[in-house]
Every structure is written in C-alpha cells, then in structure tokens.
N, C-alpha and C. Protein backbone atom coordinates (compact mmCIF):
# COMPACT_ATOMS: atom_id res chain seq x y z
N MET A 1 6.81 16.72 -8.30
CA MET A 1 6.39 17.53 -9.20
C MET A 1 5.68 18.99 -9.02
N SER A 2 5.56 20.15 -9.36
CA SER A 2 4.95 21.32 -9.25
C SER A 2 3.45 21.25 -9.56
N SER A 3 2.60 21.82 -8.88
CA SER A 3 1.12 21.85 -9.12
C SER A 3 0.61 20.77 -9.14
N THR A 4 1.22 19.91 -7.98
CA THR A 4 0.34 18.52 -7.94
C THR A 4 -0.38 18.57 -6.56
N ALA A 5 -1.79 18.64 -6.57
CA ALA A 5 -2.85 18.53 -5.59
C ALA A 5 -2.79 17.29 -5.03
N ILE A 6 -3.25 17.29 -3.55
CA ILE A 6 -3.37 16.02 -2.81
C ILE A 6 -4.50 16.13 -2.44
N ARG A 7 -5.71 15.56 -2.41
CA ARG A 7 -6.74 15.47 -2.21
C ARG A 7 -7.70 14.02 -1.33
N ALA A 8 -8.64 14.30 -0.79
CA ALA A 8 -9.19 12.80 -0.50
C ALA A 8 -9.98 12.06 -1.80
N ILE A 9 -9.51 10.66 -1.89
CA ILE A 9 -10.35 10.17 -2.70
C ILE A 9 -11.62 10.29 -3.05
N SER A 10 -12.56 10.26 -4.11
CA SER A 10 -14.00 10.04 -3.87
C SER A 10 -14.14 8.90 -4.91
N PRO A 11 -15.39 8.52 -4.78
CA PRO A 11 -15.98 6.73 -5.17
C PRO A 11 -15.69 7.09 -6.86
N ALA A 12 -16.62 8.53 -7.30
CA ALA A 12 -15.50 8.49 -9.01
C ALA A 12 -14.30 8.38 -9.24
N ASP A 13 -13.55 8.11 -8.23
CA ASP A 13 -12.04 8.20 -8.45
C ASP A 13 -11.21 6.51 -8.65
N LEU A 14 -12.25 5.60 -8.12
CA LEU A 14 -11.87 4.31 -7.72
C LEU A 14 -11.67 3.49 -8.94
N ASP A 15 -12.13 3.63 -10.00
CA ASP A 15 -11.23 2.88 -11.04
C ASP A 15 -9.98 3.42 -11.54
N ILE A 16 -10.05 4.72 -11.79
CA ILE A 16 -8.60 5.14 -12.48
C ILE A 16 -7.79 5.15 -11.44
N ALA A 17 -8.18 5.05 -9.94
CA ALA A 17 -7.27 5.20 -8.88
C ALA A 17 -6.52 3.24 -8.72
N CYS A 18 -7.18 2.43 -8.87
CA CYS A 18 -7.30 1.10 -8.86
C CYS A 18 -6.17 0.87 -10.69
N GLU A 19 -6.30 1.77 -11.50
CA GLU A 19 -5.60 1.64 -12.59
C GLU A 19 -4.22 1.98 -12.36
N VAL A 20 -3.91 2.91 -11.45
CA VAL A 20 -2.93 3.50 -11.36
C VAL A 20 -1.70 2.86 -10.19
N VAL A 21 -2.45 1.92 -9.37
CA VAL A 21 -1.95 1.15 -8.52
C VAL A 21 -1.21 -0.14 -9.15
N GLY A 22 -2.34 -0.46 -10.35
CA GLY A 22 -2.14 -1.54 -11.14
C GLY A 22 -0.91 -1.32 -11.95
N LEU A 23 -0.55 -0.40 -12.63
CA LEU A 23 0.08 0.03 -13.50
C LEU A 23 1.71 0.29 -12.77
N ALA A 24 1.24 0.94 -11.46
CA ALA A 24 2.74 1.16 -10.71
C ALA A 24 3.40 -0.14 -10.18
N PHE A 25 2.00 -0.93 -9.76
CA PHE A 25 2.89 -2.31 -9.45
C PHE A 25 3.36 -3.32 -10.42
N ALA A 26 3.31 -3.51 -11.78
CA ALA A 26 3.40 -4.16 -12.54
C ALA A 26 4.61 -5.32 -12.51
N ASP A 27 5.63 -4.09 -11.95
CA ASP A 27 7.09 -4.20 -11.50
C ASP A 27 7.65 -4.66 -10.59
N ASN A 28 6.72 -4.76 -9.35
CA ASN A 28 6.88 -4.66 -8.20
C ASN A 28 7.53 -6.26 -7.71
N PRO A 29 8.51 -6.59 -7.17
CA PRO A 29 8.76 -7.74 -6.74
C PRO A 29 7.84 -8.78 -6.05
N ASN A 30 7.27 -8.13 -5.16
CA ASN A 30 5.90 -9.22 -4.62
C ASN A 30 4.88 -9.56 -5.88
N THR A 31 4.78 -8.49 -6.60
CA THR A 31 3.43 -8.97 -7.28
C THR A 31 3.98 -9.51 -8.62
N LEU A 32 5.20 -9.62 -9.00
CA LEU A 32 5.96 -10.44 -9.90
C LEU A 32 5.98 -11.64 -9.30
N ALA A 33 6.50 -11.96 -8.14
CA ALA A 33 6.65 -13.39 -7.81
C ALA A 33 5.25 -14.21 -7.64
N ILE A 34 4.18 -13.22 -7.30
CA ILE A 34 2.85 -14.28 -7.11
C ILE A 34 2.64 -14.57 -8.75
N ALA A 35 2.89 -13.35 -9.72
CA ALA A 35 2.24 -13.59 -11.29
C ALA A 35 3.20 -14.46 -11.89
N ARG A 36 3.97 -15.06 -11.30
CA ARG A 36 5.35 -16.03 -11.96
C ARG A 36 6.14 -15.19 -13.22
N GLY A 37 6.44 -13.89 -12.94
CA GLY A 37 7.23 -12.83 -13.44
C GLY A 37 6.69 -12.30 -14.88
N ASP A 38 5.11 -12.35 -14.74
CA ASP A 38 4.16 -11.90 -16.17
C ASP A 38 3.78 -10.46 -15.60
N PRO A 39 5.03 -9.46 -16.35
CA PRO A 39 4.15 -8.17 -15.74
C PRO A 39 2.56 -7.69 -15.88
N ALA A 40 2.02 -8.23 -17.04
CA ALA A 40 0.71 -7.92 -17.56
C ALA A 40 -0.07 -8.66 -16.70
N ARG A 41 -0.22 -9.92 -15.99
CA ARG A 41 -0.63 -10.61 -15.06
C ARG A 41 -0.62 -9.96 -13.82
N ALA A 42 0.83 -9.48 -13.57
CA ALA A 42 0.79 -8.83 -12.62
C ALA A 42 0.11 -7.27 -12.06
N GLU A 43 0.17 -7.07 -13.35
CA GLU A 43 -0.97 -5.76 -13.46
C GLU A 43 -2.15 -5.66 -12.98
N ARG A 44 -2.92 -7.07 -14.04
CA ARG A 44 -4.33 -7.35 -13.57
C ARG A 44 -4.07 -7.46 -12.26
N ILE A 45 -3.60 -8.40 -11.55
CA ILE A 45 -3.72 -9.16 -10.45
C ILE A 45 -3.86 -7.83 -9.43
N MET A 46 -2.77 -7.04 -9.36
CA MET A 46 -2.91 -5.63 -8.40
C MET A 46 -3.90 -4.87 -8.57
N ARG A 47 -4.33 -4.56 -9.86
CA ARG A 47 -5.64 -3.94 -9.98
C ARG A 47 -6.60 -4.27 -9.35
N ALA A 48 -7.12 -5.27 -9.71
CA ALA A 48 -8.20 -6.14 -9.15
C ALA A 48 -8.29 -6.36 -7.47
N GLY A 49 -6.52 -6.76 -6.80
CA GLY A 49 -6.69 -7.08 -5.74
C GLY A 49 -7.07 -5.76 -4.88
N VAL A 50 -6.34 -4.75 -5.20
CA VAL A 50 -6.29 -3.43 -4.57
C VAL A 50 -8.07 -3.01 -4.52
N ARG A 51 -8.76 -3.34 -5.36
CA ARG A 51 -10.06 -2.61 -5.21
C ARG A 51 -11.09 -3.49 -4.15
N VAL A 52 -10.57 -4.94 -4.14
CA VAL A 52 -11.03 -5.39 -3.15
C VAL A 52 -10.50 -5.56 -1.83
N GLY A 53 -9.19 -5.68 -1.81
CA GLY A 53 -8.21 -5.46 -0.26
C GLY A 53 -8.11 -4.65 0.21
N LYS A 54 -8.00 -3.29 -0.71
CA LYS A 54 -7.74 -2.25 0.07
C LYS A 54 -8.36 -1.19 -0.03
N LEU A 55 -8.69 -0.46 -1.40
CA LEU A 55 -9.39 0.98 -1.76
C LEU A 55 -10.75 0.65 -1.89
N GLY A 56 -11.23 -0.44 -1.94
CA GLY A 56 -12.82 -0.82 -2.11
C GLY A 56 -13.27 -1.00 -0.33
N ARG A 57 -12.51 -1.09 0.20
CA ARG A 57 -12.78 -1.34 1.69
C ARG A 57 -13.58 -0.31 2.84
N PRO A 58 -14.42 -0.50 3.84
CA PRO A 58 -14.88 0.60 4.51
C PRO A 58 -13.98 1.27 5.32
N ALA A 59 -12.82 0.58 5.61
CA ALA A 59 -11.71 1.04 6.83
C ALA A 59 -10.60 1.76 5.85
N SER A 60 -10.59 1.90 4.66
CA SER A 60 -9.74 2.60 4.20
C SER A 60 -10.03 3.87 4.07
N THR A 61 -8.96 4.62 4.48
CA THR A 61 -8.66 5.78 4.31
C THR A 61 -7.47 6.13 3.06
N ALA A 62 -7.93 6.65 1.75
CA ALA A 62 -7.14 6.87 0.78
C ALA A 62 -6.88 8.30 0.38
N ILE A 63 -5.99 8.80 -0.23
CA ILE A 63 -5.37 10.05 -0.96
C ILE A 63 -5.48 9.98 -2.19
N VAL A 64 -5.34 10.89 -3.27
CA VAL A 64 -5.17 10.92 -4.67
C VAL A 64 -3.87 12.25 -4.51
N ALA A 65 -3.11 11.90 -5.72
CA ALA A 65 -2.22 13.33 -6.05
C ALA A 65 -3.02 13.66 -7.78
N GLU A 66 -3.00 14.80 -7.78
CA GLU A 66 -3.70 15.31 -9.15
C GLU A 66 -2.90 16.31 -9.65
N HIS A 67 -2.65 16.00 -10.82
CA HIS A 67 -1.69 17.09 -12.05
C HIS A 67 -2.50 17.08 -13.08
N GLY A 68 -2.74 18.68 -13.51
CA GLY A 68 -3.43 18.90 -14.94
C GLY A 68 -4.97 17.96 -15.11
N GLY A 69 -5.34 17.74 -13.61
CA GLY A 69 -6.99 17.39 -13.60
C GLY A 69 -6.77 15.77 -13.70
N ASP A 70 -5.71 15.13 -13.86
CA ASP A 70 -5.61 14.00 -14.03
C ASP A 70 -4.75 13.01 -12.32
N ILE A 71 -5.63 12.09 -12.15
CA ILE A 71 -5.05 11.23 -11.12
C ILE A 71 -3.76 10.39 -11.35
N VAL A 72 -2.55 11.03 -10.77
CA VAL A 72 -0.98 10.30 -10.73
C VAL A 72 -0.65 9.70 -9.54
N GLY A 73 -1.07 9.75 -8.87
CA GLY A 73 -0.51 9.13 -7.62
C GLY A 73 -1.54 8.39 -6.75
N VAL A 74 -1.79 7.29 -5.49
CA VAL A 74 -2.48 6.77 -5.23
C VAL A 74 -1.78 6.37 -3.83
N LEU A 75 -2.45 7.03 -2.52
CA LEU A 75 -1.81 6.43 -1.19
C LEU A 75 -3.01 5.72 -0.37
N ASN A 76 -2.97 4.61 0.18
CA ASN A 76 -4.35 4.19 1.15
C ASN A 76 -3.71 3.93 1.99
N ALA A 77 -4.73 4.26 3.48
CA ALA A 77 -4.04 3.64 4.36
C ALA A 77 -5.20 3.18 5.32
N ALA A 78 -5.13 2.40 6.50
CA ALA A 78 -6.22 2.26 7.56
C ALA A 78 -5.47 2.10 8.96
N ALA A 79 -6.72 2.47 10.00
CA ALA A 79 -6.31 2.50 11.30
C ALA A 79 -6.07 1.10 11.88
N TRP A 80 -5.26 0.66 12.58
CA TRP A 80 -5.56 -0.56 13.23
C TRP A 80 -6.38 -0.74 14.12
N PRO A 81 -7.30 -1.50 14.50
CA PRO A 81 -7.25 -2.96 13.96
C PRO A 81 -7.78 -3.33 12.56
N GLU A 82 -8.39 -1.97 12.37
CA GLU A 82 -9.48 -2.51 10.99
C GLU A 82 -8.47 -2.86 9.51
N CYS A 83 -6.88 -2.27 9.84
CA CYS A 83 -6.14 -2.32 8.74
C CYS A 83 -6.27 -3.86 8.13
N GLN A 84 -6.16 -4.52 9.19
CA GLN A 84 -6.26 -6.31 8.61
C GLN A 84 -7.54 -6.43 8.04
N MET A 85 -8.14 -7.59 7.73
CA MET A 85 -9.25 -7.66 7.31
C MET A 85 -9.64 -8.85 8.13
N SER A 86 -11.26 -8.43 8.75
CA SER A 86 -11.92 -9.77 9.49
C SER A 86 -11.96 -10.86 9.01
N LEU A 87 -12.30 -11.79 9.63
CA LEU A 87 -12.88 -13.30 8.97
C LEU A 87 -13.86 -13.21 7.96
N GLY A 88 -14.72 -12.23 8.37
CA GLY A 88 -16.07 -11.80 7.89
C GLY A 88 -15.87 -11.42 6.66
N GLU A 89 -14.68 -10.42 6.63
CA GLU A 89 -14.70 -9.53 5.63
C GLU A 89 -13.75 -10.60 4.34
N LYS A 90 -12.90 -11.79 5.03
CA LYS A 90 -12.06 -12.55 4.16
C LYS A 90 -13.10 -13.59 3.35
N LEU A 91 -14.08 -14.04 4.07
CA LEU A 91 -15.10 -14.63 3.86
C LEU A 91 -16.16 -14.03 2.48
N LYS A 92 -16.07 -12.54 2.82
CA LYS A 92 -17.08 -11.98 1.93
C LYS A 92 -16.43 -11.71 0.57
N THR A 93 -15.36 -11.38 0.76
CA THR A 93 -14.01 -11.05 -0.75
C THR A 93 -13.97 -12.24 -1.43
N ALA A 94 -13.85 -13.39 -0.66
CA ALA A 94 -13.02 -14.76 -1.17
C ALA A 94 -13.29 -14.50 -2.73
N PRO A 95 -14.59 -14.97 -3.16
CA PRO A 95 -14.78 -15.29 -4.23
C PRO A 95 -14.24 -14.16 -5.51
N ALA A 96 -14.60 -12.78 -4.75
CA ALA A 96 -13.68 -11.71 -5.87
C ALA A 96 -11.94 -12.08 -6.03
N MET A 97 -11.41 -12.48 -4.89
CA MET A 97 -10.24 -12.37 -4.52
C MET A 97 -9.68 -13.57 -5.67
N ILE A 98 -10.63 -14.67 -5.70
CA ILE A 98 -10.26 -15.90 -6.08
C ILE A 98 -9.95 -15.59 -7.53
N LYS A 99 -11.40 -14.91 -8.21
CA LYS A 99 -11.35 -14.52 -9.51
C LYS A 99 -10.17 -13.29 -9.98
N ALA A 100 -9.65 -12.64 -8.80
CA ALA A 100 -8.83 -11.59 -9.50
C ALA A 100 -7.54 -12.30 -9.58
N ILE A 101 -7.14 -13.42 -8.68
CA ILE A 101 -5.85 -13.69 -8.67
C ILE A 101 -5.76 -15.44 -9.08
N GLY A 102 -6.74 -16.02 -9.29
CA GLY A 102 -6.75 -17.60 -9.64
C GLY A 102 -5.24 -18.31 -9.34
N SER A 103 -4.88 -19.16 -10.17
CA SER A 103 -4.11 -20.00 -9.60
C SER A 103 -3.00 -19.37 -8.94
N ALA A 104 -2.65 -17.95 -8.92
CA ALA A 104 -1.70 -17.50 -7.99
C ALA A 104 -1.92 -17.48 -6.47
N LEU A 105 -3.61 -17.71 -6.45
CA LEU A 105 -3.81 -17.37 -4.69
C LEU A 105 -2.61 -17.64 -3.72
N PRO A 106 -2.15 -19.14 -3.60
CA PRO A 106 -1.28 -19.75 -2.87
C PRO A 106 -0.20 -18.75 -2.42
N ARG A 107 0.11 -18.08 -3.42
CA ARG A 107 1.56 -17.21 -3.61
C ARG A 107 1.22 -16.01 -2.20
N ALA A 108 -0.11 -15.52 -3.29
CA ALA A 108 -0.72 -14.30 -2.69
C ALA A 108 -0.98 -14.54 -1.27
N PHE A 109 -1.87 -15.93 -0.83
CA PHE A 109 -1.65 -15.87 0.38
C PHE A 109 -0.96 -16.25 1.27
N ALA A 110 0.38 -16.54 0.89
CA ALA A 110 1.67 -16.64 1.59
C ALA A 110 2.24 -15.09 2.11
N MET A 111 2.17 -14.44 1.07
CA MET A 111 2.47 -12.72 1.30
C MET A 111 1.69 -12.43 2.19
N LEU A 112 0.29 -12.34 2.01
CA LEU A 112 -0.53 -11.84 2.66
C LEU A 112 -0.58 -12.21 4.37
N THR A 113 -0.26 -13.77 4.37
CA THR A 113 -0.32 -14.04 5.98
C THR A 113 0.80 -13.63 6.72
N ALA A 114 1.92 -13.82 5.90
CA ALA A 114 3.02 -12.99 6.44
C ALA A 114 3.19 -11.79 7.05
N TRP A 115 2.26 -10.55 5.98
CA TRP A 115 2.42 -9.12 6.21
C TRP A 115 1.29 -9.34 7.56
N GLU A 116 0.47 -10.02 7.67
CA GLU A 116 -0.27 -10.01 8.58
C GLU A 116 0.34 -10.24 10.20
N LYS A 117 1.15 -11.31 9.96
CA LYS A 117 2.09 -11.72 11.11
C LYS A 117 2.62 -10.63 11.80
N HIS A 118 3.23 -10.20 10.70
CA HIS A 118 4.38 -8.84 11.22
C HIS A 118 3.55 -7.28 12.11
N ASP A 119 2.27 -7.54 11.71
CA ASP A 119 1.66 -5.97 11.79
C ASP A 119 1.13 -5.95 13.36
N PRO A 120 2.17 -4.70 13.34
CA PRO A 120 2.10 -4.65 15.02
C PRO A 120 0.87 -4.45 15.89
N LYS A 121 0.71 -5.15 17.16
CA LYS A 121 -0.39 -5.59 17.43
C LYS A 121 -0.72 -4.33 18.58
N GLN A 122 -0.86 -3.20 18.11
CA GLN A 122 -1.04 -1.40 18.81
C GLN A 122 -1.63 -0.71 18.04
N ALA A 123 -1.91 0.14 18.26
CA ALA A 123 -2.84 1.42 17.62
C ALA A 123 -1.79 1.99 16.62
N HIS A 124 -1.91 2.11 15.40
CA HIS A 124 -1.42 2.73 14.45
C HIS A 124 -2.00 2.90 12.98
N TRP A 125 -1.40 3.98 12.03
CA TRP A 125 -1.59 3.91 10.94
C TRP A 125 -0.72 2.96 9.89
N HIS A 126 -1.58 1.87 9.44
CA HIS A 126 -0.99 1.25 8.49
C HIS A 126 -0.85 1.98 6.78
N ILE A 127 -0.03 2.09 6.18
CA ILE A 127 0.05 2.76 4.98
C ILE A 127 0.38 1.59 4.02
N GLY A 128 -0.10 1.82 2.77
CA GLY A 128 -0.15 1.22 1.73
C GLY A 128 -1.18 0.76 1.21
N PRO A 129 -0.89 0.69 -0.30
CA PRO A 129 0.32 0.86 -1.02
C PRO A 129 0.08 2.34 -1.39
N ILE A 130 1.14 2.82 -1.74
CA ILE A 130 1.80 4.23 -2.25
C ILE A 130 2.02 3.85 -3.81
N ALA A 131 1.55 4.55 -4.66
CA ALA A 131 1.53 4.26 -5.93
C ALA A 131 1.56 5.40 -6.39
N VAL A 132 2.42 5.66 -7.60
CA VAL A 132 2.63 7.14 -8.82
C VAL A 132 2.59 6.27 -10.15
N ARG A 133 1.80 6.90 -10.94
CA ARG A 133 1.75 6.60 -12.82
C ARG A 133 3.10 6.19 -13.10
N PRO A 134 3.50 5.31 -13.97
CA PRO A 134 4.81 5.04 -14.41
C PRO A 134 5.09 6.09 -15.22
N GLY A 135 6.46 6.85 -15.38
CA GLY A 135 6.69 7.60 -16.34
C GLY A 135 6.71 9.03 -15.46
N LEU A 136 6.39 9.15 -14.21
CA LEU A 136 6.23 10.07 -13.26
C LEU A 136 6.46 9.90 -12.25
N GLN A 137 7.11 8.53 -12.13
CA GLN A 137 8.04 8.10 -10.78
C GLN A 137 9.54 8.93 -10.52
N GLY A 138 9.85 9.07 -9.39
CA GLY A 138 10.93 9.94 -9.07
C GLY A 138 10.92 11.48 -9.38
N GLN A 139 9.68 11.93 -9.34
CA GLN A 139 9.48 13.35 -9.23
C GLN A 139 9.01 14.00 -8.16
N GLY A 140 8.75 13.19 -6.79
CA GLY A 140 8.43 13.89 -5.99
C GLY A 140 7.21 13.35 -5.56
N ILE A 141 6.18 12.86 -6.45
CA ILE A 141 4.77 12.50 -6.11
C ILE A 141 4.40 11.95 -4.81
N GLY A 142 5.31 10.46 -4.70
CA GLY A 142 4.94 9.58 -3.98
C GLY A 142 5.31 10.43 -2.22
N SER A 143 6.56 11.34 -2.41
CA SER A 143 6.85 11.73 -1.28
C SER A 143 6.02 13.00 -0.80
N THR A 144 5.55 13.72 -1.88
CA THR A 144 4.26 14.80 -1.53
C THR A 144 3.01 13.85 -0.68
N MET A 145 2.40 12.98 -1.12
CA MET A 145 1.57 12.36 -0.45
C MET A 145 2.01 11.74 0.67
N LEU A 146 2.92 10.72 0.82
CA LEU A 146 2.95 10.61 2.41
C LEU A 146 3.37 11.61 3.42
N GLY A 147 4.35 12.56 2.87
CA GLY A 147 4.19 13.85 3.82
C GLY A 147 3.31 14.49 4.50
N SER A 148 1.93 14.50 3.22
CA SER A 148 0.86 14.93 3.43
C SER A 148 -0.05 13.98 4.50
N PHE A 149 0.05 12.72 4.40
CA PHE A 149 -0.78 11.53 5.13
C PHE A 149 0.01 11.49 6.26
N LEU A 150 1.05 11.89 6.33
CA LEU A 150 1.65 11.47 7.88
C LEU A 150 1.48 13.15 8.91
N GLU A 151 1.04 14.25 8.26
CA GLU A 151 0.51 15.30 8.76
C GLU A 151 -0.80 14.62 9.59
N THR A 152 -1.46 14.11 8.96
CA THR A 152 -2.71 13.51 9.78
C THR A 152 -2.61 12.62 10.59
N VAL A 153 -1.41 11.73 10.27
CA VAL A 153 -1.03 10.62 11.56
C VAL A 153 -0.31 11.35 12.94
N ASP A 154 0.32 12.59 12.34
CA ASP A 154 0.81 13.04 13.63
C ASP A 154 -0.19 13.95 14.37
N ALA A 155 -1.04 14.55 13.39
CA ALA A 155 -2.39 15.19 14.12
C ALA A 155 -3.02 14.26 15.45
N ALA A 156 -3.05 12.99 14.98
CA ALA A 156 -3.59 11.72 15.69
C ALA A 156 -3.08 11.25 16.49
N GLY A 157 -1.48 11.87 16.69
CA GLY A 157 -0.54 11.42 18.13
C GLY A 157 -0.37 9.92 17.84
N LEU A 158 -0.35 9.35 16.55
CA LEU A 158 -0.61 7.88 16.28
C LEU A 158 1.29 7.55 15.76
N PRO A 159 1.72 6.20 15.78
CA PRO A 159 2.65 5.86 14.98
C PRO A 159 2.29 5.47 13.54
N ALA A 160 3.15 4.94 12.60
CA ALA A 160 2.71 4.52 11.22
C ALA A 160 3.49 3.69 10.71
N TYR A 161 2.66 2.69 10.15
CA TYR A 161 4.05 1.29 9.95
C TYR A 161 3.36 1.02 8.03
N LEU A 162 4.11 0.53 7.49
CA LEU A 162 4.43 0.11 6.00
C LEU A 162 5.39 -1.04 6.06
N GLU A 163 5.00 -1.61 4.66
CA GLU A 163 6.10 -2.86 4.37
C GLU A 163 6.43 -2.17 2.69
N THR A 164 7.26 -2.64 2.36
CA THR A 164 8.02 -2.46 1.42
C THR A 164 8.97 -3.43 1.07
N ASP A 165 9.23 -4.03 -0.72
CA ASP A 165 9.99 -4.87 -0.83
C ASP A 165 10.77 -4.36 -2.06
N VAL A 166 11.08 -3.16 -2.20
CA VAL A 166 11.72 -2.23 -3.17
C VAL A 166 12.58 -1.25 -2.30
N ASP A 167 14.13 -1.96 -2.72
CA ASP A 167 15.14 -1.39 -2.06
C ASP A 167 15.29 0.16 -2.23
N ARG A 168 15.12 0.84 -3.35
CA ARG A 168 14.83 2.34 -3.30
C ARG A 168 14.10 2.71 -2.62
N ASN A 169 12.90 2.32 -2.13
CA ASN A 169 12.01 2.98 -1.33
C ASN A 169 12.70 3.01 0.40
N VAL A 170 13.29 2.16 0.67
CA VAL A 170 13.73 2.15 2.28
C VAL A 170 14.47 3.64 2.41
N PRO A 171 15.57 4.28 1.70
CA PRO A 171 15.95 5.66 2.16
C PRO A 171 15.06 6.81 2.28
N LEU A 172 13.93 6.40 1.34
CA LEU A 172 12.50 7.35 1.18
C LEU A 172 12.35 7.16 2.55
N TYR A 173 11.44 5.90 2.58
CA TYR A 173 10.81 5.94 4.35
C TYR A 173 11.39 6.33 5.43
N GLU A 174 13.13 6.28 5.44
CA GLU A 174 13.67 6.51 6.45
C GLU A 174 13.68 8.04 6.87
N ARG A 175 13.87 8.48 5.42
CA ARG A 175 13.67 10.21 5.49
C ARG A 175 12.76 10.61 6.41
N PHE A 176 11.64 10.13 6.26
CA PHE A 176 10.38 10.42 7.04
C PHE A 176 10.38 9.49 8.34
N GLY A 177 11.56 9.22 8.55
CA GLY A 177 11.63 8.57 10.02
C GLY A 177 11.18 7.51 10.42
N PHE A 178 11.19 6.60 9.27
CA PHE A 178 10.52 5.20 9.61
C PHE A 178 11.90 4.25 10.01
N LYS A 179 11.80 3.02 10.44
CA LYS A 179 12.80 2.32 10.72
C LYS A 179 12.31 1.13 10.30
N ILE A 180 13.36 0.20 9.97
CA ILE A 180 13.05 -1.43 9.68
C ILE A 180 13.09 -2.19 10.82
N ILE A 181 11.82 -2.86 11.28
CA ILE A 181 11.65 -3.45 12.36
C ILE A 181 11.66 -5.31 12.36
N ALA A 182 11.69 -5.38 10.93
CA ALA A 182 11.97 -6.83 10.84
C ALA A 182 12.01 -7.14 9.03
N ARG A 183 12.11 -7.68 9.16
CA ARG A 183 12.35 -8.64 7.23
C ARG A 183 12.00 -9.81 7.26
N ALA A 184 11.53 -10.13 6.29
CA ALA A 184 11.13 -11.71 5.99
C ALA A 184 11.47 -11.84 4.40
N ASP A 185 11.93 -13.17 4.19
CA ASP A 185 11.73 -13.53 2.66
C ASP A 185 10.43 -14.29 2.45
N ILE A 186 9.69 -13.78 1.08
CA ILE A 186 8.22 -13.99 1.20
C ILE A 186 8.40 -14.44 -0.61
N ASN A 187 7.96 -15.78 -0.85
CA ASN A 187 8.04 -16.10 -2.39
C ASN A 187 9.34 -15.74 -3.06
N GLY A 188 10.56 -15.62 -1.92
CA GLY A 188 11.66 -15.69 -2.62
C GLY A 188 12.08 -13.96 -2.81
N VAL A 189 11.15 -12.92 -2.51
CA VAL A 189 11.46 -11.57 -2.26
C VAL A 189 11.86 -10.97 -1.02
N ASP A 190 12.90 -10.27 -0.78
CA ASP A 190 13.09 -9.50 0.61
C ASP A 190 11.76 -8.73 0.87
N ASN A 191 11.24 -8.77 1.77
CA ASN A 191 10.60 -7.70 2.52
C ASN A 191 10.81 -7.43 3.74
N ARG A 192 10.60 -5.62 3.57
CA ARG A 192 10.85 -5.21 5.00
C ARG A 192 9.61 -4.28 5.72
N PHE A 193 9.72 -4.45 6.98
CA PHE A 193 8.65 -4.05 7.89
C PHE A 193 9.03 -2.74 8.63
N LEU A 194 8.46 -1.74 8.38
CA LEU A 194 9.18 -0.22 8.67
C LEU A 194 7.74 0.25 9.82
N TRP A 195 8.57 0.86 11.01
CA TRP A 195 7.61 1.63 12.03
C TRP A 195 7.94 2.85 12.54
N ARG A 196 7.21 4.02 12.39
CA ARG A 196 7.46 5.45 12.65
C ARG A 196 7.29 5.59 13.92
N ALA A 197 7.48 5.77 14.82
CA ALA A 197 7.01 6.31 16.31
C ALA A 197 6.76 7.40 16.39
N ALA A 198 5.07 7.53 17.32
CA ALA A 198 4.44 8.60 17.40
C ALA A 198 5.37 9.47 18.09
N ALA A 199 5.13 10.86 17.81
CA ALA A 199 5.57 12.25 18.75
C ALA A 199 5.73 11.89 20.29
N GLN A 200 7.05 11.67 20.52
CA GLN A 200 7.16 11.73 22.16
C GLN A 200 6.98 10.21 22.43
N SER A 201 6.79 9.45 21.89
CA SER A 201 6.65 7.74 22.00
C SER A 201 7.93 6.97 21.78
N GLN A 202 7.89 5.71 22.35
CA GLN A 202 9.18 5.28 22.57
C GLN A 202 9.11 4.06 21.03
N PRO A 203 10.24 4.38 20.66
CA PRO A 203 9.78 3.08 19.38
C PRO A 203 9.63 1.44 19.72
N ILE A 204 8.96 0.81 18.79
CA ILE A 204 8.04 -0.50 19.41
C ILE A 204 9.47 -1.29 19.38
C-alpha cells in the first residue's frame, strides 16, 4: 500500500496494536483451534494474549505500519534467548494468561510448548506475530513491515526465525529467504517453522 509509514511502536499504540493483532488472527488456524472454532473468542484470546506474551514484554521489539494516521499493521520480534519467556516471567504472567485464555489454556499451552521446543538454541531474531488489519491484507503491508525489520536483522548479522500455520504465508516468507526447517501437528493444525540464515552463514 502506498504512503504506508513504518515506525517503532510507542506505549500509546499498545491498545490499538493488540486490537489489530486480535482482529487479524481471529480466523487463524491455531487461534481457532485454541478457541474451539469460535472466531469472536479467538479474537479476544489473541488480543489479550499478545499483550501479555508479546507486545507487553520488556524483550519485545515491535514496529507498526501506519496509513492515514491509523495503525494498520504490527510486527513483533524478540532477540534470542529473551524470545522465550523465562520461568519467572511465566509465573508472573500466569494469572493474566489464565484470565485471557480460560478453559482454552491446555490447548494454548500445547501450542506454546511445541513452539518453544522448536525454537533454535542459537542467536537469532524471533519474529512474530505479523498482523495486518482485515480488509487491508494482501496489499503489501505485511511484506513492507517484514522487509523493513529484516534490514535491522541483517545489519546485526543475525539469522531470523518464525512460525506459521497459514499456507499462503509460506511462499511470502520464502521470498524473503526463509526456509522450512521443521513442521509439527499441534491441536490438529499444521505448523511450520522457518529459518533465514544470516548473510555469509550456513543454514541451521
């Protein structure tokens, strides 16, 4: 989308950024599996969960896409090893996560545990979620955010890593140099784990 500006997230953006992620992931296979197929519940779970587990963390580095003064996209990332919550963080955020997810917690825990298992144990940037407001998807906003953030990744000389459960996302990520290194069925959903090697380095 033309005239889309990419900038760092600010504390004042947090509410709207969480809203964008919630709306964008309301029909996501993983989120729907956690919410037992209820899109409204999936949206609420993702909106609350991304605040606690992603955008609200001190380790989070996030950017937003802005168009016409409105936030239309969000990309979150964290550098290894802080990309995974420490035990202390998990205990601290547990009450908020239980409140946000409720009876869906076992399914959410299964997904997060599998994701943590696949996270490479070497220095990298862990990217996700990448969200674009519904109605504006497919217009290049996600690609613009990802391309912008990968410039930061390349400047640091680090690899990048992400997960996806959406088939159409795989060719997009492959165009940016990501390759599938593993996949897993989680709650009946095909999850793929992708790695983008740093310049001059060997693939994992």
